[in-house]
Amino acid sequence: MLDIASEVIQAECPSCKNMLEYTLRQISEEAIITCSCGENIQLVDEKKMAEKTIGIDNLLDKNMDHLLQSLAVK
C-alpha cells in the first residue's frame, strides 16, 4: 500500500530559493527543517490537514486490508 505520510513534497527556501524536501509526516509533526543556507524553517499544519490526510489514508488501508481478507476467504 502507498504510505502517503512518506510522500516527498518540494518547496523553495524563503531565503535562498533552494529546493527543500520534506514529507507529509514532517508537516503533521510540525518539524523544523534546515536548508543548506542555514535557514531553519518551522513547518506548520495550520488546519491539521496533513494529520487528517494521514489518518484518512491509514483508515483506508485498514478497510482495504479487511476487504481483501474477506474476498480471500470466499
N, C-alpha and C. Protein backbone atom coordinates (compact mmCIF):
# COMPACT_ATOMS: atom_id res chain seq x y z
N MET A 1 0.83 -1.19 0.00
CA MET A 1 0.00 0.00 0.00
C MET A 1 0.88 1.26 0.00
N LEU A 2 0.34 2.30 -0.52
CA LEU A 2 1.03 3.58 -0.55
C LEU A 2 1.03 4.20 0.84
N ASP A 3 2.21 4.64 1.29
CA ASP A 3 2.32 5.32 2.57
C ASP A 3 2.37 6.82 2.29
N ILE A 4 1.21 7.44 2.29
CA ILE A 4 1.11 8.85 1.93
C ILE A 4 1.91 9.75 2.87
N ALA A 5 2.08 9.34 4.11
CA ALA A 5 2.83 10.15 5.08
C ALA A 5 4.29 10.29 4.70
N SER A 6 4.80 9.35 3.89
CA SER A 6 6.20 9.37 3.48
C SER A 6 6.42 10.02 2.12
N GLU A 7 5.35 10.46 1.50
CA GLU A 7 5.48 11.10 0.20
C GLU A 7 6.28 12.40 0.33
N VAL A 8 7.20 12.63 -0.60
CA VAL A 8 8.08 13.79 -0.56
C VAL A 8 7.41 14.99 -1.22
N ILE A 9 7.49 16.12 -0.54
CA ILE A 9 6.96 17.39 -1.03
C ILE A 9 8.15 18.32 -1.23
N GLN A 10 8.11 19.13 -2.26
CA GLN A 10 9.20 20.07 -2.51
C GLN A 10 8.68 21.50 -2.46
N ALA A 11 9.50 22.38 -1.92
CA ALA A 11 9.18 23.81 -1.88
C ALA A 11 10.48 24.60 -1.81
N GLU A 12 10.41 25.86 -2.17
CA GLU A 12 11.60 26.71 -2.14
C GLU A 12 11.86 27.25 -0.73
N CYS A 13 13.13 27.36 -0.40
CA CYS A 13 13.53 28.05 0.83
C CYS A 13 13.16 29.52 0.66
N PRO A 14 12.52 30.13 1.65
CA PRO A 14 12.15 31.54 1.50
C PRO A 14 13.35 32.49 1.47
N SER A 15 14.50 32.03 1.95
CA SER A 15 15.68 32.90 1.98
C SER A 15 16.52 32.81 0.71
N CYS A 16 16.87 31.58 0.30
CA CYS A 16 17.82 31.43 -0.80
C CYS A 16 17.22 30.81 -2.06
N LYS A 17 15.98 30.36 -1.98
CA LYS A 17 15.24 29.74 -3.10
C LYS A 17 15.73 28.35 -3.47
N ASN A 18 16.61 27.72 -2.65
CA ASN A 18 16.97 26.32 -2.86
C ASN A 18 15.73 25.47 -2.68
N MET A 19 15.69 24.33 -3.38
CA MET A 19 14.57 23.41 -3.23
C MET A 19 14.75 22.58 -1.97
N LEU A 20 13.72 22.53 -1.15
CA LEU A 20 13.72 21.75 0.08
C LEU A 20 12.79 20.57 -0.12
N GLU A 21 13.10 19.47 0.54
CA GLU A 21 12.24 18.30 0.51
C GLU A 21 11.84 17.94 1.93
N TYR A 22 10.57 17.61 2.10
CA TYR A 22 10.05 17.18 3.39
C TYR A 22 8.84 16.31 3.13
N THR A 23 8.36 15.64 4.16
CA THR A 23 7.25 14.71 3.99
C THR A 23 5.98 15.24 4.66
N LEU A 24 4.88 14.64 4.30
CA LEU A 24 3.60 14.98 4.92
C LEU A 24 3.65 14.70 6.42
N ARG A 25 4.36 13.64 6.81
CA ARG A 25 4.52 13.32 8.23
C ARG A 25 5.26 14.46 8.95
N GLN A 26 6.30 15.02 8.32
CA GLN A 26 7.03 16.13 8.94
C GLN A 26 6.12 17.35 9.12
N ILE A 27 5.22 17.57 8.17
CA ILE A 27 4.27 18.68 8.31
C ILE A 27 3.35 18.41 9.48
N SER A 28 2.80 17.19 9.56
CA SER A 28 1.87 16.88 10.64
C SER A 28 2.54 16.96 12.00
N GLU A 29 3.84 16.69 12.05
CA GLU A 29 4.59 16.78 13.31
C GLU A 29 5.13 18.19 13.56
N GLU A 30 4.89 19.08 12.59
CA GLU A 30 5.35 20.47 12.64
C GLU A 30 6.85 20.54 12.94
N ALA A 31 7.59 19.74 12.16
CA ALA A 31 9.04 19.66 12.31
C ALA A 31 9.73 20.94 11.84
N ILE A 32 10.95 21.10 12.28
CA ILE A 32 11.81 22.18 11.80
C ILE A 32 12.79 21.56 10.83
N ILE A 33 12.83 22.09 9.60
CA ILE A 33 13.80 21.60 8.61
C ILE A 33 14.83 22.71 8.39
N THR A 34 16.04 22.30 8.04
CA THR A 34 17.12 23.26 7.85
C THR A 34 17.60 23.20 6.41
N CYS A 35 17.64 24.36 5.78
CA CYS A 35 18.12 24.49 4.41
C CYS A 35 19.65 24.48 4.44
N SER A 36 20.25 24.19 3.29
CA SER A 36 21.71 24.20 3.19
C SER A 36 22.30 25.60 3.42
N CYS A 37 21.47 26.65 3.30
CA CYS A 37 21.93 28.01 3.56
C CYS A 37 21.93 28.32 5.06
N GLY A 38 21.42 27.38 5.87
CA GLY A 38 21.39 27.57 7.31
C GLY A 38 20.05 28.05 7.86
N GLU A 39 19.13 28.38 6.98
CA GLU A 39 17.80 28.86 7.40
C GLU A 39 17.01 27.70 8.01
N ASN A 40 16.49 27.90 9.23
CA ASN A 40 15.59 26.93 9.87
C ASN A 40 14.17 27.30 9.52
N ILE A 41 13.40 26.32 9.05
CA ILE A 41 12.02 26.56 8.64
C ILE A 41 11.11 25.68 9.47
N GLN A 42 10.19 26.30 10.19
CA GLN A 42 9.20 25.59 11.01
C GLN A 42 8.02 25.24 10.11
N LEU A 43 7.77 23.95 9.93
CA LEU A 43 6.61 23.51 9.18
C LEU A 43 5.38 23.63 10.08
N VAL A 44 4.28 24.09 9.52
CA VAL A 44 3.07 24.31 10.30
C VAL A 44 1.89 23.64 9.60
N ASP A 45 1.16 22.85 10.35
CA ASP A 45 -0.05 22.19 9.87
C ASP A 45 -1.24 22.98 10.44
N GLU A 46 -1.49 24.16 9.85
CA GLU A 46 -2.44 25.13 10.41
C GLU A 46 -3.82 24.55 10.71
N LYS A 47 -4.38 23.87 9.78
CA LYS A 47 -5.74 23.34 9.98
C LYS A 47 -5.71 21.83 10.21
N LYS A 48 -4.53 21.33 10.55
CA LYS A 48 -4.35 19.89 10.81
C LYS A 48 -4.73 19.04 9.61
N MET A 49 -4.60 19.61 8.41
CA MET A 49 -4.96 18.87 7.19
C MET A 49 -3.99 17.73 6.91
N ALA A 50 -2.70 17.92 7.17
CA ALA A 50 -1.74 16.83 6.97
C ALA A 50 -2.07 15.68 7.90
N GLU A 51 -2.32 16.00 9.16
CA GLU A 51 -2.67 14.98 10.15
C GLU A 51 -3.94 14.24 9.75
N LYS A 52 -4.95 14.98 9.29
CA LYS A 52 -6.21 14.37 8.88
C LYS A 52 -6.02 13.49 7.65
N THR A 53 -5.21 13.95 6.71
CA THR A 53 -4.95 13.18 5.49
C THR A 53 -4.27 11.86 5.82
N ILE A 54 -3.29 11.89 6.71
CA ILE A 54 -2.61 10.67 7.13
C ILE A 54 -3.59 9.74 7.83
N GLY A 55 -4.46 10.28 8.67
CA GLY A 55 -5.46 9.47 9.37
C GLY A 55 -6.43 8.81 8.41
N ILE A 56 -6.88 9.56 7.41
CA ILE A 56 -7.80 9.01 6.41
C ILE A 56 -7.11 7.92 5.62
N ASP A 57 -5.84 8.16 5.24
CA ASP A 57 -5.08 7.16 4.49
C ASP A 57 -4.93 5.87 5.30
N ASN A 58 -4.64 5.99 6.58
CA ASN A 58 -4.50 4.81 7.45
C ASN A 58 -5.81 4.05 7.54
N LEU A 59 -6.92 4.78 7.66
CA LEU A 59 -8.24 4.15 7.73
C LEU A 59 -8.56 3.42 6.43
N LEU A 60 -8.26 4.05 5.29
CA LEU A 60 -8.49 3.41 4.00
C LEU A 60 -7.66 2.14 3.85
N ASP A 61 -6.40 2.19 4.31
CA ASP A 61 -5.55 0.99 4.26
C ASP A 61 -6.16 -0.14 5.07
N LYS A 62 -6.65 0.16 6.28
CA LYS A 62 -7.25 -0.87 7.12
C LYS A 62 -8.50 -1.45 6.46
N ASN A 63 -9.32 -0.57 5.89
CA ASN A 63 -10.54 -1.04 5.22
C ASN A 63 -10.21 -1.90 4.01
N MET A 64 -9.16 -1.51 3.26
CA MET A 64 -8.75 -2.27 2.09
C MET A 64 -8.23 -3.64 2.52
N ASP A 65 -7.43 -3.68 3.58
CA ASP A 65 -6.94 -4.96 4.09
C ASP A 65 -8.09 -5.87 4.49
N HIS A 66 -9.08 -5.32 5.18
CA HIS A 66 -10.25 -6.09 5.61
C HIS A 66 -11.01 -6.61 4.39
N LEU A 67 -11.20 -5.77 3.39
CA LEU A 67 -11.90 -6.18 2.18
C LEU A 67 -11.16 -7.30 1.48
N LEU A 68 -9.85 -7.16 1.33
CA LEU A 68 -9.07 -8.20 0.66
C LEU A 68 -9.11 -9.51 1.42
N GLN A 69 -9.06 -9.45 2.74
CA GLN A 69 -9.14 -10.67 3.55
C GLN A 69 -10.50 -11.34 3.38
N SER A 70 -11.56 -10.54 3.36
CA SER A 70 -12.90 -11.13 3.22
C SER A 70 -13.09 -11.75 1.83
N LEU A 71 -12.47 -11.17 0.82
CA LEU A 71 -12.57 -11.74 -0.53
C LEU A 71 -11.75 -13.03 -0.65
N ALA A 72 -10.65 -13.09 0.06
CA ALA A 72 -9.79 -14.29 0.01
C ALA A 72 -10.44 -15.47 0.69
N VAL A 73 -11.30 -15.21 1.67
CA VAL A 73 -11.94 -16.29 2.42
C VAL A 73 -13.01 -16.98 1.58
N LYS A 74 -13.66 -16.28 0.71
CA LYS A 74 -14.77 -16.83 -0.08
C LYS A 74 -14.32 -17.76 -1.16
